[in-house]
Amino acid sequence: MKVGVPTEIKTDEYRVALTPAGARELAEAGHSVVVQAGAGLGSAIADADYISQGAQILPDAESVFAESDMIVKVKEPQPVEVALLEPRHILFTYLHLAPDPDLTQGLMKSGATCIAYETVEDRDGRLPLLAPMSEVAGKIATQAGAFMLEKPLGGRGILLGGVPGVAAGKVLVIGGGVVGTNAAIIALGMQAETYVFDRNIDRLRALEIELNGAASTCYASTLEIEQMLPQADMVIGAVLVHGARAPHVITRKQLALMKPGAVLVDVSIDQGGCFETSRPTTHSDPTYEIDGVIHYCVANMPGAVPITSTYALTNATMPYMLKLATIGIQQALAGDPGFMAGLNIAAGKITYEPVARDQGLDYTSPQEALASLL
C-alpha cells in the first residue's frame, strides 16, 4: 500500500501524522510512504529525515493525494483537502464529525472510507488513539488557563499557586477522564486548590487514588457545579461522550455566577464545546470575553507543542496504520471490533451512530457499508 502524509493546513497546526520512525516501520513492512515537502518542519522534522528512512518527498498535497491509497493526517481535512479525496482513498485522522455537518456531507460525497482516531476503541472500551492527545490537551489546558489568568491577558490577575499569606486559586475540572486527570495533575503541581467533577462514582474513587487525595472529587450534579462557580478562578471543561456532541455543563446564564476575569478552558471544543458560550478559537487568537469571563477554546490545543504531540500520536497510531496497510481495511476492521468502531464514513454512508444521531441522518452499520465496497 502507498501511504500519504500531507502537510497540515488548519490554522496554527504544526503537527504531522507520521514521524521518520513511522515511515521506517511502514517501509520495512514493504509499503511505500510519500510525504509532502515540509510536512514535518513544524515538528522539527526535515524532509531529509524522512528520505533517510525510505520515504519519498512530493511537492504538494495534490501529488500526495494522487499517489496514495491511504491518507494519514492529524486534523480533520479542510475543504480543499476534501476535494482531493476519491472513493479509492482510506482517510485515517481525527475527524470530530458530530458538530460539523458540512465536513460530514463533504466526506460522504467523496466516497472515501474515513476512520476517526477518536472513536477507535481497545478491548476495554478505552480510546487509545485519542488518549495521547487528551493527555497533552489536559496538561496544556491548565498551563494555558494559568497564563490567561494574568491581568495583561484579561484575567483576574492571580497566581494559581498563591504565596505564603495569600490563598491559592481554585480550579474546577469538569470531567474525570484522561483530559481531566491530566489537567488536575498540572493544577495540583501548580499548587492550586483543585476540584474534579464527574458523574461516575467509580471514576471518582479511582481519582482519589490516582491523585493521592490531593484534589477534592465531586459528583457533577448541576447544583454542585453551580454552587462552586462563584468560587472558581478557572474552570476546565473536559467532558467527553464518545464521538458525539459534548453536553453543555455551564450555561450562559451561569456565567453571571462567576468572578470577573475568571477563565473557562473548553477542551471539548472539538466536539462542539461543553460550555454554552464556547466557540472555536486559534492559538493566534485564543480567547474572547463574554459577561466578564475569559473563554479559551482553542480547537487544536496539542498543536502548540508539536514535537511532543507528533511523536506521541505516531506511537499510538502506528500499529493501526501497519494493520491497515498490511492486511487491508476489510480484514483489519472485521478482525477487531474496537478498530471497526473507528469507521465513521464508508461508501457514502455514516457508519458511526452518534454522528448520525446528532446530525439527524441515516445510520448504516459499518459491516454493511464495508460489504458494499467489495
Protein backbone atom coordinates (compact mmCIF):
# COMPACT_ATOMS: atom_id res chain seq x y z
CA MET A 1 0.00 0.00 0.00
CA LYS A 2 1.12 3.57 -0.61
CA VAL A 3 0.66 5.81 2.45
CA GLY A 4 0.49 9.57 2.00
CA VAL A 5 1.31 12.25 4.56
CA PRO A 6 0.17 15.77 3.59
CA THR A 7 1.14 18.96 5.39
CA GLU A 8 -1.45 20.03 7.95
CA ILE A 9 -3.11 23.27 6.86
CA LYS A 10 -5.52 24.03 9.70
CA THR A 11 -4.69 27.38 11.30
CA ASP A 12 -1.78 27.16 13.76
CA GLU A 13 -1.39 23.41 13.29
CA TYR A 14 2.23 22.28 13.46
CA ARG A 15 1.90 18.54 13.97
CA VAL A 16 2.44 15.90 11.33
CA ALA A 17 0.77 12.48 11.15
CA LEU A 18 3.90 10.37 10.77
CA THR A 19 7.44 10.53 12.15
CA PRO A 20 10.52 9.17 10.36
CA ALA A 21 10.36 6.19 12.73
CA GLY A 22 6.84 5.50 11.47
CA ALA A 23 7.99 5.82 7.87
CA ARG A 24 10.73 3.28 8.61
CA GLU A 25 8.22 0.82 10.10
CA LEU A 26 5.99 1.05 7.03
CA ALA A 27 8.89 0.80 4.60
CA GLU A 28 10.30 -2.27 6.33
CA ALA A 29 6.86 -3.88 6.07
CA GLY A 30 7.01 -3.42 2.29
CA HIS A 31 4.87 -0.31 1.93
CA SER A 32 5.61 2.99 0.20
CA VAL A 33 5.43 6.31 2.02
CA VAL A 34 5.08 9.68 0.33
CA VAL A 35 5.36 12.88 2.37
CA GLN A 36 4.55 16.40 1.26
CA ALA A 37 7.60 18.65 1.22
CA GLY A 38 7.91 20.48 4.52
CA ALA A 39 5.18 18.46 6.26
CA GLY A 40 7.36 17.80 9.29
CA LEU A 41 9.01 21.19 9.70
CA GLY A 42 6.57 22.36 12.38
CA SER A 43 7.62 19.35 14.43
CA ALA A 44 11.34 19.90 13.74
CA ILE A 45 11.47 17.02 11.21
CA ALA A 46 13.30 17.79 7.97
CA ASP A 47 12.46 16.22 4.61
CA ALA A 48 15.88 14.58 4.70
CA ASP A 49 14.89 12.75 7.88
CA TYR A 50 12.03 11.09 6.02
CA ILE A 51 14.13 10.31 2.97
CA SER A 52 16.75 8.61 5.13
CA GLN A 53 14.06 6.22 6.40
CA GLY A 54 12.74 5.24 2.98
CA ALA A 55 10.06 7.85 2.30
CA GLN A 56 9.67 9.86 -0.89
CA ILE A 57 9.07 13.61 -0.81
CA LEU A 58 6.42 15.07 -3.12
CA PRO A 59 6.00 18.80 -3.80
CA ASP A 60 2.37 19.40 -2.86
CA ALA A 61 -0.82 17.97 -1.40
CA GLU A 62 -2.28 17.26 -4.83
CA SER A 63 0.64 14.95 -5.59
CA VAL A 64 0.36 13.19 -2.23
CA PHE A 65 -3.36 12.52 -2.61
CA ALA A 66 -2.96 11.41 -6.23
CA GLU A 67 -0.18 8.96 -5.37
CA SER A 68 -1.64 7.46 -2.19
CA ASP A 69 -4.05 4.70 -1.25
CA MET A 70 -4.25 5.76 2.40
CA ILE A 71 -4.04 9.35 3.64
CA VAL A 72 -2.90 9.80 7.23
CA LYS A 73 -3.41 13.17 8.89
CA VAL A 74 -3.70 14.80 12.28
CA LYS A 75 -6.67 17.16 11.97
CA GLU A 76 -9.90 16.84 10.04
CA PRO A 77 -9.48 17.60 6.33
CA GLN A 78 -10.12 21.16 5.29
CA PRO A 79 -12.41 21.86 2.29
CA VAL A 80 -9.54 21.94 -0.22
CA GLU A 81 -8.40 18.55 1.07
CA VAL A 82 -11.88 17.04 1.00
CA ALA A 83 -11.96 17.97 -2.69
CA LEU A 84 -8.87 15.80 -3.27
CA LEU A 85 -10.39 12.65 -1.75
CA GLU A 86 -11.59 9.85 -4.02
CA PRO A 87 -13.59 6.65 -3.39
CA ARG A 88 -10.34 4.64 -3.53
CA HIS A 89 -8.87 6.50 -0.55
CA ILE A 90 -8.72 5.45 3.08
CA LEU A 91 -8.60 8.54 5.30
CA PHE A 92 -7.18 7.95 8.78
CA THR A 93 -7.20 11.01 11.05
CA TYR A 94 -9.07 12.86 13.78
CA LEU A 95 -12.48 13.75 12.33
CA HIS A 96 -14.74 15.07 15.14
CA LEU A 97 -17.74 14.93 12.82
CA ALA A 98 -20.60 15.32 15.30
CA PRO A 99 -20.57 19.15 15.41
CA ASP A 100 -19.57 19.58 11.74
CA PRO A 101 -22.34 18.65 9.28
CA ASP A 102 -20.55 20.34 6.36
CA LEU A 103 -17.50 18.13 6.77
CA THR A 104 -19.71 15.08 7.17
CA GLN A 105 -21.51 15.82 3.92
CA GLY A 106 -18.25 16.50 2.11
CA LEU A 107 -16.72 13.21 3.19
CA MET A 108 -19.87 11.28 2.31
CA LYS A 109 -19.86 12.79 -1.19
CA SER A 110 -16.16 11.98 -1.65
CA GLY A 111 -16.84 8.25 -1.37
CA ALA A 112 -13.67 7.83 0.70
CA THR A 113 -13.51 5.38 3.60
CA CYS A 114 -12.96 7.51 6.70
CA ILE A 115 -11.65 6.19 10.02
CA ALA A 116 -11.58 8.55 13.01
CA TYR A 117 -8.78 8.22 15.53
CA GLU A 118 -11.08 9.48 18.28
CA THR A 119 -13.63 6.65 18.05
CA VAL A 120 -11.26 3.67 17.77
CA GLU A 121 -11.60 1.58 20.93
CA ASP A 122 -9.46 -1.01 22.66
CA ARG A 123 -10.74 -4.20 24.29
CA ASP A 124 -11.72 -2.31 27.43
CA GLY A 125 -13.69 0.34 25.57
CA ARG A 126 -10.99 2.97 26.02
CA LEU A 127 -9.87 5.32 23.23
CA PRO A 128 -6.20 4.51 22.56
CA LEU A 129 -5.71 6.95 19.69
CA LEU A 130 -7.39 9.85 21.47
CA ALA A 131 -5.60 9.22 24.77
CA PRO A 132 -2.15 10.67 23.92
CA MET A 133 -3.62 13.94 22.64
CA SER A 134 -6.01 14.03 25.60
CA GLU A 135 -3.02 13.76 27.91
CA VAL A 136 -1.32 16.66 26.13
CA ALA A 137 -4.51 18.75 25.94
CA GLY A 138 -5.26 18.25 29.63
CA LYS A 139 -1.84 19.48 30.65
CA ILE A 140 -1.94 22.42 28.24
CA ALA A 141 -5.42 23.39 29.46
CA THR A 142 -4.19 24.20 32.95
CA GLN A 143 -0.94 25.72 31.71
CA ALA A 144 -2.75 27.99 29.23
CA GLY A 145 -5.52 28.83 31.68
CA ALA A 146 -2.99 29.89 34.31
CA PHE A 147 -1.39 32.23 31.77
CA MET A 148 -4.76 33.71 30.80
CA LEU A 149 -5.47 34.50 34.45
CA GLU A 150 -2.73 37.12 34.31
CA LYS A 151 -4.09 40.67 34.24
CA PRO A 152 -2.43 41.75 30.96
CA LEU A 153 -4.21 38.83 29.25
CA GLY A 154 -7.59 39.91 30.62
CA GLY A 155 -7.68 37.57 33.59
CA ARG A 156 -8.31 38.21 37.27
CA GLY A 157 -4.65 38.81 38.00
CA ILE A 158 -3.92 35.91 40.31
CA LEU A 159 -1.19 33.32 40.64
CA LEU A 160 -2.75 29.87 40.79
CA GLY A 161 -0.42 28.59 43.48
CA GLY A 162 -0.63 31.67 45.66
CA VAL A 163 2.26 32.55 48.00
CA PRO A 164 2.68 32.39 51.79
CA GLY A 165 -0.05 34.52 53.27
CA VAL A 166 -2.12 34.63 50.03
CA ALA A 167 -4.52 31.81 49.20
CA ALA A 168 -4.10 29.66 46.08
CA GLY A 169 -6.53 29.94 43.20
CA LYS A 170 -9.39 27.48 42.74
CA VAL A 171 -9.55 25.25 39.67
CA LEU A 172 -12.66 23.25 38.79
CA VAL A 173 -12.13 20.38 36.34
CA ILE A 174 -15.39 19.06 34.93
CA GLY A 175 -14.85 15.55 33.60
CA GLY A 176 -12.58 12.99 35.22
CA GLY A 177 -11.30 11.13 32.15
CA VAL A 178 -7.87 11.35 30.57
CA VAL A 179 -8.10 15.10 29.90
CA GLY A 180 -9.48 15.90 33.32
CA THR A 181 -6.95 13.74 35.15
CA ASN A 182 -4.02 15.39 33.41
CA ALA A 183 -5.49 18.85 33.91
CA ALA A 184 -5.81 18.11 37.61
CA ILE A 185 -2.24 16.80 37.83
CA ILE A 186 -0.90 20.08 36.47
CA ALA A 187 -3.24 22.19 38.62
CA LEU A 188 -2.02 20.34 41.70
CA GLY A 189 1.56 20.73 40.51
CA MET A 190 0.94 24.49 40.37
CA GLN A 191 -0.34 24.22 43.95
CA ALA A 192 -3.86 25.31 43.06
CA GLU A 193 -6.86 24.24 45.12
CA THR A 194 -8.27 21.64 42.76
CA TYR A 195 -11.73 20.09 42.39
CA VAL A 196 -12.57 17.33 39.88
CA PHE A 197 -16.19 16.67 38.92
CA ASP A 198 -17.58 13.54 37.29
CA ARG A 199 -20.86 11.60 37.24
CA ASN A 200 -19.20 8.20 37.57
CA ILE A 201 -18.69 7.35 41.23
CA ASP A 202 -16.21 4.58 40.43
CA ARG A 203 -14.16 7.06 38.42
CA LEU A 204 -14.18 9.47 41.36
CA ARG A 205 -12.96 6.68 43.62
CA ALA A 206 -10.15 5.93 41.19
CA LEU A 207 -9.20 9.61 41.02
CA GLU A 208 -8.89 9.74 44.81
CA ILE A 209 -6.18 7.11 44.48
CA GLU A 210 -4.53 8.45 41.31
CA LEU A 211 -4.28 11.97 42.73
CA ASN A 212 -3.26 10.76 46.21
CA GLY A 213 -6.24 12.51 47.76
CA ALA A 214 -4.76 15.91 46.88
CA ALA A 215 -7.80 17.03 44.86
CA SER A 216 -11.40 17.16 46.04
CA THR A 217 -13.62 14.87 43.98
CA CYS A 218 -17.23 15.96 43.48
CA TYR A 219 -20.30 14.46 41.88
CA ALA A 220 -21.08 16.55 38.80
CA SER A 221 -24.68 17.49 39.50
CA THR A 222 -25.88 20.77 38.04
CA LEU A 223 -26.41 22.19 41.54
CA GLU A 224 -22.97 21.15 42.79
CA ILE A 225 -21.25 22.81 39.83
CA GLU A 226 -23.44 25.91 40.15
CA GLN A 227 -22.61 26.29 43.83
CA MET A 228 -18.88 26.13 43.10
CA LEU A 229 -18.82 28.56 40.18
CA PRO A 230 -18.73 31.73 42.33
CA GLN A 231 -15.53 30.46 43.94
CA ALA A 232 -13.76 29.36 40.76
CA ASP A 233 -10.84 31.19 39.22
CA MET A 234 -10.56 28.67 36.38
CA VAL A 235 -12.94 26.04 35.03
CA ILE A 236 -11.65 23.37 32.67
CA GLY A 237 -14.26 21.58 30.58
CA ALA A 238 -13.13 18.02 29.91
CA VAL A 239 -16.40 16.30 29.09
CA LEU A 240 -16.43 13.51 26.50
CA VAL A 241 -19.24 11.45 25.03
CA HIS A 242 -17.65 9.02 22.58
CA GLY A 243 -17.95 10.51 19.11
CA ALA A 244 -20.98 12.66 19.98
CA ARG A 245 -21.53 16.34 20.66
CA ALA A 246 -20.41 17.37 24.12
CA PRO A 247 -23.21 18.32 26.54
CA HIS A 248 -23.27 21.85 27.97
CA VAL A 249 -22.23 21.80 31.61
CA ILE A 250 -22.17 25.59 32.04
CA THR A 251 -24.87 27.80 30.51
CA ARG A 252 -24.77 31.47 29.50
CA LYS A 253 -26.95 32.31 32.49
CA GLN A 254 -24.49 30.65 34.88
CA LEU A 255 -21.64 32.90 33.73
CA ALA A 256 -23.18 35.59 35.90
CA LEU A 257 -22.22 33.49 38.94
CA MET A 258 -18.50 33.70 38.12
CA LYS A 259 -15.91 36.27 39.14
CA PRO A 260 -14.94 38.92 36.59
CA GLY A 261 -11.76 37.79 34.86
CA ALA A 262 -12.25 34.10 35.67
CA VAL A 263 -11.16 31.75 32.88
CA LEU A 264 -13.06 28.97 31.12
CA VAL A 265 -10.94 26.46 29.18
CA ASP A 266 -13.00 24.23 26.89
CA VAL A 267 -11.05 21.12 25.89
CA SER A 268 -14.27 19.63 24.49
CA ILE A 269 -14.42 22.27 21.76
CA ASP A 270 -13.55 19.72 19.02
CA GLN A 271 -16.85 18.01 19.85
CA GLY A 272 -18.86 21.21 19.90
CA GLY A 273 -17.82 22.53 23.30
CA CYS A 274 -19.16 21.84 26.79
CA PHE A 275 -19.92 25.47 27.67
CA GLU A 276 -22.93 27.08 26.01
CA THR A 277 -20.88 30.17 25.17
CA SER A 278 -17.95 28.29 23.60
CA ARG A 279 -16.83 28.79 20.01
CA PRO A 280 -13.59 27.58 18.42
CA THR A 281 -10.53 29.82 18.64
CA THR A 282 -6.93 29.53 17.43
CA HIS A 283 -3.51 29.73 19.04
CA SER A 284 -3.01 33.08 17.28
CA ASP A 285 -6.21 34.48 18.76
CA PRO A 286 -7.02 32.13 21.64
CA THR A 287 -9.50 33.98 23.84
CA TYR A 288 -12.61 36.11 23.90
CA GLU A 289 -14.71 37.54 26.71
CA ILE A 290 -18.40 37.09 27.44
CA ASP A 291 -20.04 38.63 30.50
CA GLY A 292 -16.65 39.33 32.01
CA VAL A 293 -15.47 35.69 31.75
CA ILE A 294 -12.44 34.83 29.59
CA HIS A 295 -13.00 31.88 27.22
CA TYR A 296 -10.05 29.84 25.93
CA CYS A 297 -11.42 27.45 23.29
CA VAL A 298 -8.51 26.56 21.01
CA ALA A 299 -9.63 23.68 18.82
CA ASN A 300 -6.20 22.07 18.48
CA MET A 301 -4.51 22.63 21.84
CA PRO A 302 -1.86 19.88 21.35
CA GLY A 303 -0.76 21.65 18.17
CA ALA A 304 1.02 24.20 20.38
CA VAL A 305 3.56 21.55 21.41
CA PRO A 306 4.01 19.69 18.11
CA ILE A 307 7.25 17.91 18.91
CA THR A 308 5.71 16.22 21.94
CA SER A 309 2.35 15.68 20.22
CA THR A 310 3.61 14.35 16.89
CA TYR A 311 5.72 11.63 18.45
CA ALA A 312 3.04 10.70 20.98
CA LEU A 313 0.46 10.42 18.21
CA THR A 314 2.58 8.27 15.89
CA ASN A 315 3.46 5.94 18.76
CA ALA A 316 -0.26 5.29 19.20
CA THR A 317 -1.42 5.18 15.57
CA MET A 318 1.48 3.22 14.06
CA PRO A 319 0.18 -0.31 14.86
CA TYR A 320 -3.17 0.58 13.29
CA MET A 321 -1.57 2.08 10.19
CA LEU A 322 0.51 -1.06 9.75
CA LYS A 323 -2.53 -3.27 10.12
CA LEU A 324 -4.50 -1.31 7.52
CA ALA A 325 -1.60 -1.25 5.09
CA THR A 326 -0.65 -4.89 5.51
CA ILE A 327 -3.93 -6.81 5.59
CA GLY A 328 -6.30 -4.24 4.11
CA ILE A 329 -9.27 -2.43 5.55
CA GLN A 330 -11.73 -5.32 5.33
CA GLN A 331 -9.64 -7.74 7.40
CA ALA A 332 -8.20 -5.08 9.69
CA LEU A 333 -11.62 -3.88 10.82
CA ALA A 334 -13.51 -7.18 10.70
CA GLY A 335 -10.93 -8.80 12.96
CA ASP A 336 -11.01 -6.04 15.57
CA PRO A 337 -14.38 -4.69 16.81
CA GLY A 338 -12.65 -1.77 18.51
CA PHE A 339 -10.98 -0.78 15.26
CA MET A 340 -14.31 -1.18 13.47
CA ALA A 341 -15.71 1.43 15.89
CA GLY A 342 -13.36 3.92 14.27
CA LEU A 343 -15.15 3.69 10.93
CA ASN A 344 -17.26 6.83 10.60
CA ILE A 345 -17.98 7.01 6.87
CA ALA A 346 -17.84 4.37 4.12
CA ALA A 347 -19.49 4.05 0.72
CA GLY A 348 -21.07 7.45 1.21
CA LYS A 349 -22.84 6.32 4.40
CA ILE A 350 -22.49 7.35 8.04
CA THR A 351 -21.29 4.30 9.94
CA TYR A 352 -20.94 5.80 13.42
CA GLU A 353 -24.28 6.03 15.19
CA PRO A 354 -23.64 9.05 17.47
CA VAL A 355 -22.75 11.18 14.44
CA ALA A 356 -25.86 10.08 12.56
CA ARG A 357 -28.00 10.77 15.62
CA ASP A 358 -26.52 14.22 16.30
CA GLN A 359 -26.98 15.29 12.68
CA GLY A 360 -30.38 13.65 12.11
CA LEU A 361 -29.07 11.45 9.30
CA ASP A 362 -29.48 7.79 8.44
CA TYR A 363 -27.13 5.31 10.07
CA THR A 364 -25.67 2.32 8.23
CA SER A 365 -23.82 -0.39 10.14
CA PRO A 366 -20.10 -0.40 9.38
CA GLN A 367 -20.29 -4.07 8.40
CA GLU A 368 -22.96 -3.34 5.80
CA ALA A 369 -21.10 -0.35 4.40
CA LEU A 370 -17.82 -2.25 4.15
CA ALA A 371 -19.53 -5.17 2.42
CA SER A 372 -20.73 -2.79 -0.30
CA LEU A 373 -17.12 -1.86 -1.03
CA LEU A 374 -16.20 -5.40 -2.02
